[in-house]
N, C-alpha and C. Protein backbone atom coordinates (compact mmCIF):
# COMPACT_ATOMS: atom_id res chain seq x y z
N UNK A 1 -11.45 -0.41 11.23
CA UNK A 1 -10.08 -0.70 10.86
C UNK A 1 -9.94 -0.48 9.36
N UNK A 2 -8.92 0.20 8.98
CA UNK A 2 -8.62 0.44 7.57
C UNK A 2 -7.92 -0.80 7.02
N UNK A 3 -8.53 -1.42 6.06
CA UNK A 3 -7.91 -2.60 5.43
C UNK A 3 -7.11 -2.23 4.21
N UNK A 4 -7.49 -1.16 3.55
CA UNK A 4 -6.86 -0.85 2.25
C UNK A 4 -6.97 0.63 2.01
N UNK A 5 -5.89 1.19 1.56
CA UNK A 5 -5.86 2.59 1.11
C UNK A 5 -5.67 2.51 -0.40
N UNK A 6 -6.63 3.00 -1.11
CA UNK A 6 -6.54 2.92 -2.57
C UNK A 6 -5.66 4.02 -3.15
N UNK A 7 -5.12 3.71 -4.25
CA UNK A 7 -4.39 4.67 -5.05
C UNK A 7 -5.00 4.65 -6.44
N UNK A 8 -4.61 5.59 -7.25
CA UNK A 8 -5.16 5.68 -8.59
C UNK A 8 -5.05 4.33 -9.29
N UNK A 9 -6.15 3.88 -9.85
CA UNK A 9 -6.17 2.60 -10.61
C UNK A 9 -6.48 1.37 -9.79
N UNK A 10 -6.55 1.47 -8.47
CA UNK A 10 -6.85 0.28 -7.66
C UNK A 10 -8.31 -0.10 -7.76
N UNK A 11 -8.53 -1.42 -7.60
CA UNK A 11 -9.89 -1.95 -7.56
C UNK A 11 -10.32 -1.91 -6.08
N UNK A 12 -11.61 -1.79 -5.90
CA UNK A 12 -12.16 -1.69 -4.54
C UNK A 12 -13.42 -2.54 -4.49
N UNK A 13 -13.54 -3.31 -3.41
CA UNK A 13 -14.74 -4.14 -3.16
C UNK A 13 -14.90 -5.25 -4.20
N UNK A 14 -13.78 -5.74 -4.75
CA UNK A 14 -13.88 -6.79 -5.75
C UNK A 14 -14.50 -8.10 -5.25
N UNK A 15 -14.45 -8.43 -3.97
CA UNK A 15 -15.15 -9.65 -3.51
C UNK A 15 -16.65 -9.59 -3.76
N UNK A 16 -17.18 -8.41 -3.96
CA UNK A 16 -18.64 -8.27 -4.21
C UNK A 16 -19.02 -8.95 -5.55
N UNK A 17 -18.08 -9.23 -6.43
CA UNK A 17 -18.39 -9.96 -7.66
C UNK A 17 -18.99 -11.31 -7.35
N UNK A 18 -18.61 -11.92 -6.24
CA UNK A 18 -19.02 -13.30 -5.95
C UNK A 18 -19.91 -13.39 -4.70
N UNK A 19 -20.57 -12.34 -4.37
CA UNK A 19 -21.42 -12.36 -3.17
C UNK A 19 -22.74 -11.64 -3.51
N UNK A 20 -23.83 -12.25 -3.13
CA UNK A 20 -25.12 -11.63 -3.34
C UNK A 20 -25.28 -10.38 -2.49
N UNK A 21 -24.70 -10.44 -1.31
CA UNK A 21 -24.73 -9.30 -0.38
C UNK A 21 -23.31 -9.11 0.12
N UNK A 22 -22.81 -7.90 -0.01
CA UNK A 22 -21.46 -7.61 0.42
C UNK A 22 -21.45 -6.32 1.19
N UNK A 23 -20.92 -6.36 2.38
CA UNK A 23 -20.87 -5.18 3.22
C UNK A 23 -19.45 -4.56 3.17
N UNK A 24 -19.37 -3.48 2.45
CA UNK A 24 -18.11 -2.80 2.29
C UNK A 24 -18.41 -1.33 2.18
N UNK A 25 -17.57 -0.53 2.77
CA UNK A 25 -17.74 0.91 2.56
C UNK A 25 -16.34 1.51 2.33
N UNK A 26 -16.39 2.71 1.79
CA UNK A 26 -15.18 3.42 1.49
C UNK A 26 -15.41 4.88 1.83
N UNK A 27 -14.34 5.54 2.22
CA UNK A 27 -14.38 6.96 2.53
C UNK A 27 -13.33 7.64 1.67
N UNK A 28 -13.73 8.60 0.86
CA UNK A 28 -12.79 9.38 0.06
C UNK A 28 -12.38 10.59 0.89
N UNK A 29 -11.08 10.67 1.17
CA UNK A 29 -10.58 11.77 1.95
C UNK A 29 -10.10 12.93 1.09
N UNK A 30 -10.05 12.67 -0.21
CA UNK A 30 -9.70 13.68 -1.19
C UNK A 30 -10.70 13.67 -2.31
N UNK A 31 -10.80 14.72 -3.07
CA UNK A 31 -11.69 14.65 -4.28
C UNK A 31 -11.28 13.44 -5.13
N UNK A 32 -12.25 12.63 -5.48
CA UNK A 32 -11.95 11.35 -6.15
C UNK A 32 -12.90 11.09 -7.30
N UNK A 33 -12.45 10.28 -8.23
CA UNK A 33 -13.30 9.83 -9.33
C UNK A 33 -13.34 8.32 -9.22
N UNK A 34 -14.54 7.78 -9.09
CA UNK A 34 -14.71 6.34 -8.93
C UNK A 34 -15.58 5.84 -10.09
N UNK A 35 -15.13 4.73 -10.67
CA UNK A 35 -15.85 4.10 -11.75
C UNK A 35 -16.50 2.82 -11.25
N UNK A 36 -17.78 2.68 -11.44
CA UNK A 36 -18.48 1.47 -11.09
C UNK A 36 -18.66 0.59 -12.29
N UNK A 37 -18.68 -0.70 -12.06
CA UNK A 37 -18.86 -1.69 -13.14
C UNK A 37 -20.05 -2.55 -12.84
N UNK A 38 -20.79 -2.91 -13.86
CA UNK A 38 -21.91 -3.81 -13.72
C UNK A 38 -21.41 -5.24 -13.42
N UNK A 39 -21.88 -5.76 -12.28
CA UNK A 39 -21.41 -7.07 -11.81
C UNK A 39 -21.66 -8.14 -12.88
N UNK A 40 -22.82 -8.21 -13.46
CA UNK A 40 -23.14 -9.21 -14.45
C UNK A 40 -22.26 -9.12 -15.67
N UNK A 41 -21.97 -7.89 -16.11
CA UNK A 41 -21.10 -7.70 -17.27
C UNK A 41 -19.67 -8.17 -16.99
N UNK A 42 -19.19 -7.86 -15.80
CA UNK A 42 -17.82 -8.31 -15.44
C UNK A 42 -17.76 -9.82 -15.38
N UNK A 43 -18.74 -10.44 -14.73
CA UNK A 43 -18.77 -11.90 -14.65
C UNK A 43 -18.84 -12.53 -16.03
N UNK A 44 -19.58 -11.92 -16.92
CA UNK A 44 -19.67 -12.47 -18.30
C UNK A 44 -18.31 -12.33 -18.98
N UNK A 45 -17.64 -11.21 -18.83
CA UNK A 45 -16.29 -11.04 -19.42
C UNK A 45 -15.33 -12.07 -18.88
N UNK A 46 -15.40 -12.34 -17.59
CA UNK A 46 -14.53 -13.34 -16.97
C UNK A 46 -14.74 -14.71 -17.63
N UNK A 47 -16.02 -15.03 -17.89
CA UNK A 47 -16.34 -16.31 -18.48
C UNK A 47 -16.10 -16.43 -19.98
N UNK A 48 -16.03 -15.30 -20.68
CA UNK A 48 -15.94 -15.38 -22.14
C UNK A 48 -14.63 -14.83 -22.71
N UNK A 49 -13.91 -14.10 -21.96
CA UNK A 49 -12.67 -13.47 -22.45
C UNK A 49 -11.49 -13.85 -21.53
N UNK A 50 -10.79 -14.92 -21.90
CA UNK A 50 -9.68 -15.38 -21.09
C UNK A 50 -8.64 -14.29 -20.78
N UNK A 51 -8.37 -13.43 -21.78
CA UNK A 51 -7.35 -12.38 -21.56
C UNK A 51 -7.82 -11.40 -20.47
N UNK A 52 -9.11 -11.09 -20.47
CA UNK A 52 -9.67 -10.21 -19.44
C UNK A 52 -9.56 -10.89 -18.08
N UNK A 53 -9.95 -12.17 -18.02
CA UNK A 53 -9.91 -12.91 -16.74
C UNK A 53 -8.48 -12.97 -16.20
N UNK A 54 -7.52 -13.25 -17.09
CA UNK A 54 -6.13 -13.29 -16.66
C UNK A 54 -5.62 -11.95 -16.16
N UNK A 55 -5.94 -10.89 -16.86
CA UNK A 55 -5.54 -9.53 -16.45
C UNK A 55 -6.17 -9.19 -15.08
N UNK A 56 -7.43 -9.54 -14.90
CA UNK A 56 -8.08 -9.25 -13.63
C UNK A 56 -7.44 -10.03 -12.49
N UNK A 57 -7.18 -11.30 -12.72
CA UNK A 57 -6.52 -12.12 -11.67
C UNK A 57 -5.16 -11.59 -11.35
N UNK A 58 -4.37 -11.19 -12.36
CA UNK A 58 -3.04 -10.63 -12.11
C UNK A 58 -3.13 -9.36 -11.28
N UNK A 59 -4.07 -8.51 -11.64
CA UNK A 59 -4.24 -7.23 -10.89
C UNK A 59 -4.64 -7.49 -9.45
N UNK A 60 -5.58 -8.35 -9.25
CA UNK A 60 -6.03 -8.65 -7.89
C UNK A 60 -4.96 -9.35 -7.09
N UNK A 61 -4.19 -10.23 -7.71
CA UNK A 61 -3.09 -10.87 -6.99
C UNK A 61 -2.06 -9.84 -6.57
N UNK A 62 -1.80 -8.88 -7.43
CA UNK A 62 -0.87 -7.79 -7.05
C UNK A 62 -1.38 -7.00 -5.85
N UNK A 63 -2.68 -6.76 -5.82
CA UNK A 63 -3.24 -6.05 -4.66
C UNK A 63 -3.10 -6.87 -3.40
N UNK A 64 -3.32 -8.20 -3.50
CA UNK A 64 -3.18 -9.06 -2.33
C UNK A 64 -1.72 -9.04 -1.84
N UNK A 65 -0.77 -9.08 -2.80
CA UNK A 65 0.63 -8.99 -2.39
C UNK A 65 0.88 -7.67 -1.64
N UNK A 66 0.28 -6.61 -2.10
CA UNK A 66 0.38 -5.33 -1.41
C UNK A 66 -0.19 -5.37 -0.01
N UNK A 67 -1.34 -6.04 0.15
CA UNK A 67 -1.94 -6.20 1.50
C UNK A 67 -0.98 -6.93 2.42
N UNK A 68 -0.42 -8.03 1.92
CA UNK A 68 0.49 -8.81 2.72
C UNK A 68 1.71 -8.00 3.13
N UNK A 69 2.25 -7.24 2.20
CA UNK A 69 3.41 -6.41 2.53
C UNK A 69 3.05 -5.39 3.57
N UNK A 70 1.89 -4.81 3.47
CA UNK A 70 1.46 -3.80 4.47
C UNK A 70 1.34 -4.46 5.84
N UNK A 71 0.80 -5.67 5.87
CA UNK A 71 0.74 -6.40 7.17
C UNK A 71 2.11 -6.67 7.70
N UNK A 72 3.06 -7.05 6.84
CA UNK A 72 4.44 -7.24 7.28
C UNK A 72 5.03 -5.96 7.89
N UNK A 73 4.74 -4.84 7.22
CA UNK A 73 5.26 -3.58 7.74
C UNK A 73 4.63 -3.26 9.10
N UNK A 74 3.33 -3.45 9.21
CA UNK A 74 2.66 -3.14 10.46
C UNK A 74 3.14 -4.04 11.61
N UNK A 75 3.69 -5.20 11.31
CA UNK A 75 4.21 -6.13 12.31
C UNK A 75 5.57 -5.74 12.81
N UNK A 76 6.25 -4.81 12.16
CA UNK A 76 7.57 -4.37 12.63
C UNK A 76 7.35 -3.45 13.80
N UNK A 77 7.87 -3.82 14.97
CA UNK A 77 7.58 -3.10 16.19
C UNK A 77 8.34 -1.81 16.31
N UNK A 78 9.58 -1.80 15.88
CA UNK A 78 10.39 -0.60 16.00
C UNK A 78 9.95 0.45 14.98
N UNK A 79 9.63 1.64 15.48
CA UNK A 79 9.18 2.71 14.55
C UNK A 79 10.26 3.01 13.50
N UNK A 80 11.53 3.21 13.94
CA UNK A 80 12.54 3.49 12.90
C UNK A 80 12.67 2.37 11.85
N UNK A 81 12.59 1.15 12.27
CA UNK A 81 12.69 0.02 11.32
C UNK A 81 11.47 -0.04 10.40
N UNK A 82 10.29 0.23 10.94
CA UNK A 82 9.07 0.26 10.12
C UNK A 82 9.15 1.40 9.10
N UNK A 83 9.60 2.56 9.57
CA UNK A 83 9.73 3.70 8.69
C UNK A 83 10.77 3.42 7.58
N UNK A 84 11.89 2.83 7.97
CA UNK A 84 12.93 2.51 7.00
C UNK A 84 12.38 1.52 5.93
N UNK A 85 11.68 0.48 6.40
CA UNK A 85 11.14 -0.49 5.49
C UNK A 85 10.10 0.14 4.54
N UNK A 86 9.26 1.01 5.10
CA UNK A 86 8.25 1.69 4.28
C UNK A 86 8.91 2.61 3.24
N UNK A 87 9.97 3.27 3.66
CA UNK A 87 10.70 4.15 2.76
C UNK A 87 11.35 3.31 1.66
N UNK A 88 11.97 2.20 2.03
CA UNK A 88 12.63 1.32 1.06
C UNK A 88 11.59 0.73 0.08
N UNK A 89 10.35 0.57 0.53
CA UNK A 89 9.28 0.06 -0.38
C UNK A 89 8.74 1.13 -1.27
N UNK A 90 9.14 2.40 -1.08
CA UNK A 90 8.66 3.46 -1.93
C UNK A 90 7.28 3.96 -1.51
N UNK A 91 6.90 3.79 -0.26
CA UNK A 91 5.60 4.17 0.25
C UNK A 91 5.47 5.65 0.58
N UNK A 92 6.56 6.36 0.64
CA UNK A 92 6.49 7.81 0.92
C UNK A 92 6.32 8.52 -0.43
N UNK A 93 5.06 8.63 -0.85
CA UNK A 93 4.76 9.23 -2.16
C UNK A 93 4.09 10.58 -2.00
N UNK A 94 3.67 10.93 -0.84
CA UNK A 94 3.00 12.20 -0.58
C UNK A 94 3.63 12.86 0.64
N UNK A 95 2.76 13.27 1.53
CA UNK A 95 3.24 13.93 2.73
C UNK A 95 3.70 12.89 3.76
N UNK A 96 4.49 13.37 4.70
CA UNK A 96 4.93 12.51 5.80
C UNK A 96 3.71 12.10 6.65
N UNK A 97 2.74 12.98 6.74
CA UNK A 97 1.54 12.65 7.51
C UNK A 97 0.78 11.48 6.86
N UNK A 98 0.67 11.49 5.53
CA UNK A 98 0.03 10.37 4.83
C UNK A 98 0.85 9.10 4.97
N UNK A 99 2.16 9.24 4.90
CA UNK A 99 3.09 8.11 5.07
C UNK A 99 2.88 7.49 6.47
N UNK A 100 2.78 8.35 7.45
CA UNK A 100 2.57 7.89 8.83
C UNK A 100 1.28 7.04 8.94
N UNK A 101 0.21 7.56 8.33
CA UNK A 101 -1.05 6.82 8.34
C UNK A 101 -0.91 5.48 7.65
N UNK A 102 -0.19 5.45 6.54
CA UNK A 102 0.04 4.17 5.81
C UNK A 102 0.77 3.17 6.70
N UNK A 103 1.68 3.67 7.55
CA UNK A 103 2.49 2.80 8.41
C UNK A 103 1.83 2.52 9.77
N UNK A 104 0.70 3.14 10.03
CA UNK A 104 0.03 2.94 11.30
C UNK A 104 0.76 3.60 12.47
N UNK A 105 1.43 4.69 12.20
CA UNK A 105 2.18 5.43 13.26
C UNK A 105 1.70 6.86 13.27
N UNK A 106 1.94 7.53 14.38
CA UNK A 106 1.63 8.96 14.42
C UNK A 106 2.68 9.70 13.59
N UNK A 107 2.32 10.88 13.08
CA UNK A 107 3.28 11.60 12.30
C UNK A 107 4.48 12.06 13.14
N UNK A 108 4.23 12.28 14.42
CA UNK A 108 5.34 12.63 15.33
C UNK A 108 6.36 11.50 15.43
N UNK A 109 5.85 10.26 15.56
CA UNK A 109 6.78 9.11 15.63
C UNK A 109 7.54 8.96 14.33
N UNK A 110 6.90 9.21 13.21
CA UNK A 110 7.57 9.10 11.91
C UNK A 110 8.65 10.16 11.76
N UNK A 111 8.34 11.41 12.14
CA UNK A 111 9.34 12.46 12.08
C UNK A 111 10.55 12.13 12.98
N UNK A 112 10.28 11.63 14.17
CA UNK A 112 11.40 11.22 15.06
C UNK A 112 12.22 10.08 14.45
N UNK A 113 11.53 9.13 13.88
CA UNK A 113 12.23 7.98 13.26
C UNK A 113 13.06 8.43 12.08
N UNK A 114 12.48 9.34 11.25
CA UNK A 114 13.21 9.82 10.09
C UNK A 114 14.47 10.57 10.54
N UNK A 115 14.34 11.39 11.58
CA UNK A 115 15.50 12.13 12.10
C UNK A 115 16.58 11.16 12.57
N UNK A 116 16.14 10.13 13.29
CA UNK A 116 17.10 9.11 13.77
C UNK A 116 17.80 8.39 12.62
N UNK A 117 17.03 8.04 11.61
CA UNK A 117 17.58 7.33 10.43
C UNK A 117 18.54 8.24 9.65
N UNK A 118 18.23 9.51 9.55
CA UNK A 118 19.11 10.46 8.88
C UNK A 118 20.44 10.58 9.67
N UNK A 119 20.31 10.75 11.00
CA UNK A 119 21.53 10.85 11.83
C UNK A 119 22.40 9.60 11.73
N UNK A 120 21.74 8.42 11.59
CA UNK A 120 22.46 7.15 11.50
C UNK A 120 23.06 6.94 10.09
N UNK A 121 22.68 7.81 9.13
CA UNK A 121 23.21 7.66 7.78
C UNK A 121 22.49 6.65 6.92
N UNK A 122 21.37 6.14 7.43
CA UNK A 122 20.62 5.12 6.64
C UNK A 122 19.66 5.77 5.68
N UNK A 123 19.29 7.02 5.94
CA UNK A 123 18.35 7.76 5.10
C UNK A 123 18.95 9.12 4.80
N UNK A 124 18.73 9.58 3.58
CA UNK A 124 19.16 10.92 3.19
C UNK A 124 17.96 11.83 3.10
N UNK A 125 18.20 13.10 3.36
CA UNK A 125 17.13 14.12 3.26
C UNK A 125 17.64 15.23 2.36
N UNK A 126 17.49 15.04 1.03
CA UNK A 126 18.03 16.02 0.09
C UNK A 126 17.25 17.37 0.06
N UNK A 127 16.00 17.31 0.49
CA UNK A 127 15.20 18.54 0.54
C UNK A 127 14.11 18.36 1.61
N UNK A 128 13.53 19.48 1.99
CA UNK A 128 12.48 19.41 3.02
C UNK A 128 11.35 18.49 2.56
N UNK A 129 11.00 17.54 3.43
CA UNK A 129 9.92 16.60 3.15
C UNK A 129 10.30 15.50 2.18
N UNK A 130 11.55 15.46 1.74
CA UNK A 130 12.02 14.43 0.81
C UNK A 130 13.03 13.58 1.51
N UNK A 131 12.74 12.27 1.55
CA UNK A 131 13.63 11.30 2.20
C UNK A 131 13.82 10.13 1.28
N UNK A 132 15.03 9.56 1.30
CA UNK A 132 15.27 8.34 0.53
C UNK A 132 16.33 7.52 1.24
N UNK A 133 16.26 6.25 0.96
CA UNK A 133 17.25 5.31 1.58
C UNK A 133 18.62 5.71 1.08
N UNK A 134 19.54 5.77 1.99
CA UNK A 134 20.94 6.16 1.66
C UNK A 134 21.56 5.06 0.78
N UNK A 135 22.46 5.47 -0.09
CA UNK A 135 23.19 4.52 -0.92
C UNK A 135 24.00 3.53 -0.13
N UNK A 136 24.33 3.90 1.12
CA UNK A 136 25.13 3.02 1.97
C UNK A 136 24.25 1.99 2.70
N UNK A 137 23.00 2.35 2.87
CA UNK A 137 22.07 1.45 3.63
C UNK A 137 21.62 0.30 2.73
N UNK A 138 21.31 -0.75 3.34
CA UNK A 138 20.80 -1.94 2.64
C UNK A 138 19.35 -2.15 3.00
N UNK A 139 18.44 -1.77 2.12
CA UNK A 139 17.03 -1.98 2.45
C UNK A 139 16.72 -3.44 2.57
N UNK A 140 15.71 -3.78 3.39
CA UNK A 140 15.34 -5.21 3.51
C UNK A 140 14.79 -5.70 2.21
N UNK A 141 15.19 -6.93 1.84
CA UNK A 141 14.65 -7.53 0.62
C UNK A 141 13.27 -8.06 0.85
N UNK A 142 12.60 -8.43 -0.22
CA UNK A 142 11.25 -9.01 -0.09
C UNK A 142 11.34 -10.34 0.61
N UNK A 143 10.34 -10.62 1.40
CA UNK A 143 10.29 -11.90 2.09
C UNK A 143 10.01 -12.98 1.08
N UNK A 144 10.59 -14.12 1.34
CA UNK A 144 10.31 -15.26 0.47
C UNK A 144 9.40 -16.21 1.23
N UNK A 145 8.79 -17.08 0.53
CA UNK A 145 7.89 -18.00 1.19
C UNK A 145 6.49 -17.75 0.70
N UNK A 146 5.61 -18.56 1.10
CA UNK A 146 4.23 -18.46 0.63
C UNK A 146 3.27 -18.28 1.76
N UNK A 147 2.07 -18.50 1.41
CA UNK A 147 0.98 -18.30 2.36
C UNK A 147 0.81 -19.56 3.15
């Protein structure tokens, strides 16, 4: 099961900082550059540099919020509604095929949903492969509440 799709600048396997043994793997589907950090050095920085610790916590909290939002999207049963919500979130940053994978849908289902949303006037298609929420449509707002 894919838990996380990284983008440029994302942290990966950060729970390994606090575990003697951590089982995590990653698969790069595109040419990638990965930077590794020494666990002991990072833990020392956390303990001695409050600004570093705060920045790290903020970054990781942002990633967790992203995980939660992705889970919310995956819980939307209707393909058109899931596609609309993903589009409103700005998740269509590459190909429709990548967008489909991000949403847990087949690319065929996403293309059908996009066509339906364009016909309904909720989504505009200004160019081939380019879709955006229509000015008339009201994207869903962020959910409120906590964990």
